[in-house]
Amino acid sequence: MLKIGCLILLLVFVVNGYAHNPQVSTISMIQNENNKWSVFITAPLYTFQLAIKEKYPEMNMDSISPFEMQKLILDIVKNNLKINGATDLKLTNDKVQLAHETSVFFDINKDDFLPTAISFAAFDKLYNHFTLLKIVSKKEKEITYILNTENAFEYPKKNEAYSRPIYLYLAICLVSILLFLLIRKFYKKMNLTNS
């Protein structure tokens, strides 16, 4: 509980520092005491407006009511957030809080759920934008990752899951060969001294 409280406090301070910077947004996925997951997405209202303008270029942003803006923001988030490759994930209790720093909150209604692959392309067309992703699980290691154009706003980066083990296996093979050669040389030396 202390971990979750500290995370939320940290996010409040960090996001408030970037509240007017349209280049920064955050996604926090937190598992609660009931093993259910909640998702918090925060970004400046201007960032959401830019994403809406990208999707609906003919829309006049000044004529949109707050209620319509909330619906559009929820639509942008739900259409661009993919968790574990699922587009049909049941998102419940969704709320949007409009302010300079706009927050979107919802719960994921699925048993035995663990977020392992996240894609959030809502802001991928915005110049130099990045999203801070934080996944806090009760059972797994905490994950912090930056979604940006370099990784196509996806966690994990494509082929990233396979890149580390290949290097690990290559390193193990190299060390094994070196050990084999050293042991072989040692035994040859021992045989020469015993003869």
Protein backbone atom coordinates (compact mmCIF):
# COMPACT_ATOMS: atom_id res chain seq x y z
CA MET A 1 0.00 0.00 0.00
CA LEU A 2 2.89 2.34 0.82
CA LYS A 3 4.39 1.55 -2.60
CA ILE A 4 1.17 2.55 -4.37
CA GLY A 5 0.84 5.70 -2.26
CA CYS A 6 4.41 6.74 -3.03
CA LEU A 7 3.87 6.07 -6.73
CA ILE A 8 0.74 8.21 -6.86
CA LEU A 9 2.48 10.99 -4.93
CA LEU A 10 5.46 10.83 -7.30
CA LEU A 11 3.18 10.92 -10.34
CA VAL A 12 1.32 13.95 -8.97
CA PHE A 13 4.59 15.88 -8.51
CA VAL A 14 6.10 14.77 -11.82
CA VAL A 15 2.97 15.36 -13.85
CA ASN A 16 2.32 18.73 -12.23
CA GLY A 17 5.81 19.77 -13.32
CA TYR A 18 4.92 18.82 -16.89
CA ALA A 19 1.26 19.84 -16.77
CA HIS A 20 1.55 22.31 -19.64
CA ASN A 21 4.08 20.37 -21.69
CA PRO A 22 2.23 18.71 -24.59
CA GLN A 23 5.18 16.38 -25.15
CA VAL A 24 4.68 14.37 -21.95
CA SER A 25 1.92 12.02 -20.80
CA THR A 26 1.76 9.18 -18.29
CA ILE A 27 0.06 5.80 -18.05
CA SER A 28 -0.05 4.06 -14.69
CA MET A 29 -1.42 0.55 -14.38
CA ILE A 30 -1.83 -0.46 -10.76
CA GLN A 31 -3.07 -3.72 -9.27
CA ASN A 32 -5.18 -3.11 -6.17
CA GLU A 33 -5.77 -5.25 -3.07
CA ASN A 34 -8.53 -7.25 -4.82
CA ASN A 35 -6.07 -8.18 -7.63
CA LYS A 36 -8.05 -5.95 -10.01
CA TRP A 37 -6.27 -3.48 -12.26
CA SER A 38 -6.84 0.27 -12.56
CA VAL A 39 -5.43 2.45 -15.31
CA PHE A 40 -4.64 6.17 -14.94
CA ILE A 41 -3.72 8.21 -18.01
CA THR A 42 -2.71 11.82 -17.58
CA ALA A 43 -1.78 14.35 -20.23
CA PRO A 44 -2.24 18.07 -20.79
CA LEU A 45 -5.64 18.97 -22.19
CA TYR A 46 -3.80 20.52 -25.14
CA THR A 47 -2.25 17.13 -25.96
CA PHE A 48 -5.67 15.49 -26.05
CA GLN A 49 -6.95 18.36 -28.20
CA LEU A 50 -4.08 17.83 -30.66
CA ALA A 51 -4.87 14.09 -30.82
CA ILE A 52 -8.57 14.85 -31.42
CA LYS A 53 -7.66 17.38 -34.11
CA GLU A 54 -5.44 14.74 -35.75
CA LYS A 55 -8.33 12.25 -35.83
CA TYR A 56 -11.07 14.78 -36.69
CA PRO A 57 -9.36 17.60 -38.65
CA GLU A 58 -12.65 19.28 -39.58
CA MET A 59 -13.75 19.63 -35.94
CA ASN A 60 -13.78 23.12 -34.40
CA MET A 61 -12.19 22.62 -30.97
CA ASP A 62 -13.65 25.87 -29.58
CA SER A 63 -17.24 24.73 -30.13
CA ILE A 64 -16.96 21.44 -28.22
CA SER A 65 -18.77 21.26 -24.88
CA PRO A 66 -16.99 19.75 -21.86
CA PHE A 67 -19.24 16.69 -22.00
CA GLU A 68 -18.45 16.14 -25.70
CA MET A 69 -14.73 16.66 -24.98
CA GLN A 70 -14.86 13.96 -22.30
CA LYS A 71 -16.52 11.56 -24.74
CA LEU A 72 -13.94 12.33 -27.45
CA ILE A 73 -11.04 11.85 -25.03
CA LEU A 74 -12.47 8.53 -23.84
CA ASP A 75 -12.93 7.50 -27.47
CA ILE A 76 -9.31 8.42 -28.31
CA VAL A 77 -8.01 6.47 -25.31
CA LYS A 78 -10.15 3.37 -25.83
CA ASN A 79 -9.38 3.18 -29.56
CA ASN A 80 -5.63 3.59 -29.09
CA LEU A 81 -4.87 1.60 -25.95
CA LYS A 82 -4.15 -2.06 -26.55
CA ILE A 83 -3.22 -4.26 -23.62
CA ASN A 84 -1.83 -7.73 -24.33
CA GLY A 85 -2.91 -7.28 -27.95
CA ALA A 86 -6.59 -7.28 -26.99
CA THR A 87 -8.81 -4.63 -28.50
CA ASP A 88 -11.93 -6.05 -26.86
CA LEU A 89 -10.77 -5.59 -23.27
CA LYS A 90 -13.64 -4.67 -20.96
CA LEU A 91 -12.93 -1.24 -19.48
CA THR A 92 -15.29 -0.22 -16.68
CA ASN A 93 -15.85 2.73 -14.33
CA ASP A 94 -14.31 5.13 -16.85
CA LYS A 95 -13.96 8.76 -15.81
CA VAL A 96 -12.40 11.82 -17.43
CA GLN A 97 -11.36 14.85 -15.41
CA LEU A 98 -10.86 17.88 -17.63
CA ALA A 99 -8.28 20.43 -16.50
CA HIS A 100 -4.93 21.75 -17.68
CA GLU A 101 -3.75 18.29 -16.71
CA THR A 102 -6.47 15.96 -17.92
CA SER A 103 -6.85 12.57 -16.25
CA VAL A 104 -8.55 9.46 -17.56
CA PHE A 105 -9.32 6.63 -15.16
CA PHE A 106 -10.82 3.20 -15.67
CA ASP A 107 -10.75 -0.36 -14.35
CA ILE A 108 -9.96 -3.48 -16.32
CA ASN A 109 -12.65 -6.09 -15.77
CA LYS A 110 -10.85 -9.37 -16.40
CA ASP A 111 -9.83 -12.17 -14.05
CA ASP A 112 -6.25 -13.47 -13.96
CA PHE A 113 -5.04 -10.42 -15.85
CA LEU A 114 -1.42 -9.30 -16.11
CA PRO A 115 -0.38 -6.53 -18.54
CA THR A 116 2.61 -7.80 -20.51
CA ALA A 117 2.27 -5.88 -23.79
CA ILE A 118 1.05 -2.28 -23.98
CA SER A 119 0.47 -0.18 -27.07
CA PHE A 120 -0.79 3.40 -26.86
CA ALA A 121 -0.81 5.23 -30.17
CA ALA A 122 -3.09 8.16 -29.29
CA PHE A 123 -0.21 10.63 -29.32
CA ASP A 124 2.10 8.96 -31.83
CA LYS A 125 1.58 11.68 -34.47
CA LEU A 126 2.54 14.49 -32.10
CA TYR A 127 6.02 15.91 -32.49
CA ASN A 128 8.61 14.64 -29.99
CA HIS A 129 6.00 13.17 -27.64
CA PHE A 130 6.70 10.48 -25.08
CA THR A 131 4.58 8.62 -22.55
CA LEU A 132 5.88 7.41 -19.21
CA LEU A 133 4.49 3.92 -18.54
CA LYS A 134 4.42 2.50 -15.02
CA ILE A 135 3.08 -0.97 -14.21
CA VAL A 136 2.75 -1.82 -10.52
CA SER A 137 1.80 -5.43 -9.84
CA LYS A 138 1.38 -7.12 -6.48
CA LYS A 139 3.11 -10.28 -7.73
CA GLU A 140 5.50 -9.17 -10.47
CA LYS A 141 8.41 -6.75 -10.64
CA GLU A 142 7.48 -3.10 -11.08
CA ILE A 143 8.01 -1.86 -14.64
CA THR A 144 8.90 1.65 -15.76
CA TYR A 145 9.19 2.28 -19.49
CA ILE A 146 9.09 5.18 -21.93
CA LEU A 147 6.80 4.88 -24.94
CA ASN A 148 7.96 7.00 -27.87
CA THR A 149 8.50 6.95 -31.63
CA GLU A 150 11.67 4.85 -31.27
CA ASN A 151 9.65 1.92 -29.93
CA ALA A 152 6.47 2.73 -31.88
CA PHE A 153 4.70 3.52 -28.58
CA GLU A 154 4.79 -0.16 -27.65
CA TYR A 155 6.00 -2.06 -24.61
CA PRO A 156 7.98 -4.22 -24.96
CA LYS A 157 9.71 -2.96 -28.07
CA LYS A 158 9.26 -5.39 -30.96
CA ASN A 159 11.90 -8.14 -30.86
CA GLU A 160 13.07 -6.82 -27.49
CA ALA A 161 11.89 -9.99 -25.79
CA TYR A 162 14.20 -12.01 -28.02
CA SER A 163 17.23 -9.72 -28.15
CA ARG A 164 18.39 -10.14 -24.56
CA PRO A 165 18.29 -13.95 -24.40
CA ILE A 166 20.21 -14.25 -27.69
CA TYR A 167 23.02 -12.10 -26.31
CA LEU A 168 22.86 -14.01 -23.07
CA TYR A 169 23.16 -17.36 -24.87
CA LEU A 170 26.02 -16.04 -27.00
CA ALA A 171 27.84 -14.83 -23.91
CA ILE A 172 27.30 -18.18 -22.16
CA CYS A 173 28.58 -20.06 -25.22
CA LEU A 174 31.65 -17.84 -25.44
CA VAL A 175 32.43 -18.25 -21.75
CA SER A 176 31.89 -22.02 -22.03
CA ILE A 177 34.29 -22.28 -24.96
CA LEU A 178 36.90 -20.21 -23.13
CA LEU A 179 36.53 -22.37 -20.02
CA PHE A 180 36.83 -25.52 -22.12
CA LEU A 181 40.03 -24.22 -23.75
CA LEU A 182 41.51 -23.18 -20.41
CA ILE A 183 40.71 -26.54 -18.80
CA ARG A 184 42.12 -28.39 -21.82
CA LYS A 185 45.31 -26.31 -21.70
CA PHE A 186 45.59 -26.92 -17.95
CA TYR A 187 45.24 -30.70 -18.41
CA LYS A 188 47.84 -30.72 -21.18
CA LYS A 189 50.22 -28.82 -18.94
CA MET A 190 49.52 -31.24 -16.07
CA ASN A 191 50.20 -34.26 -18.33
CA LEU A 192 53.49 -32.76 -19.50
CA THR A 193 54.68 -32.12 -15.92
CA ASN A 194 53.64 -35.63 -14.77
CA SER A 195 55.54 -37.41 -17.58
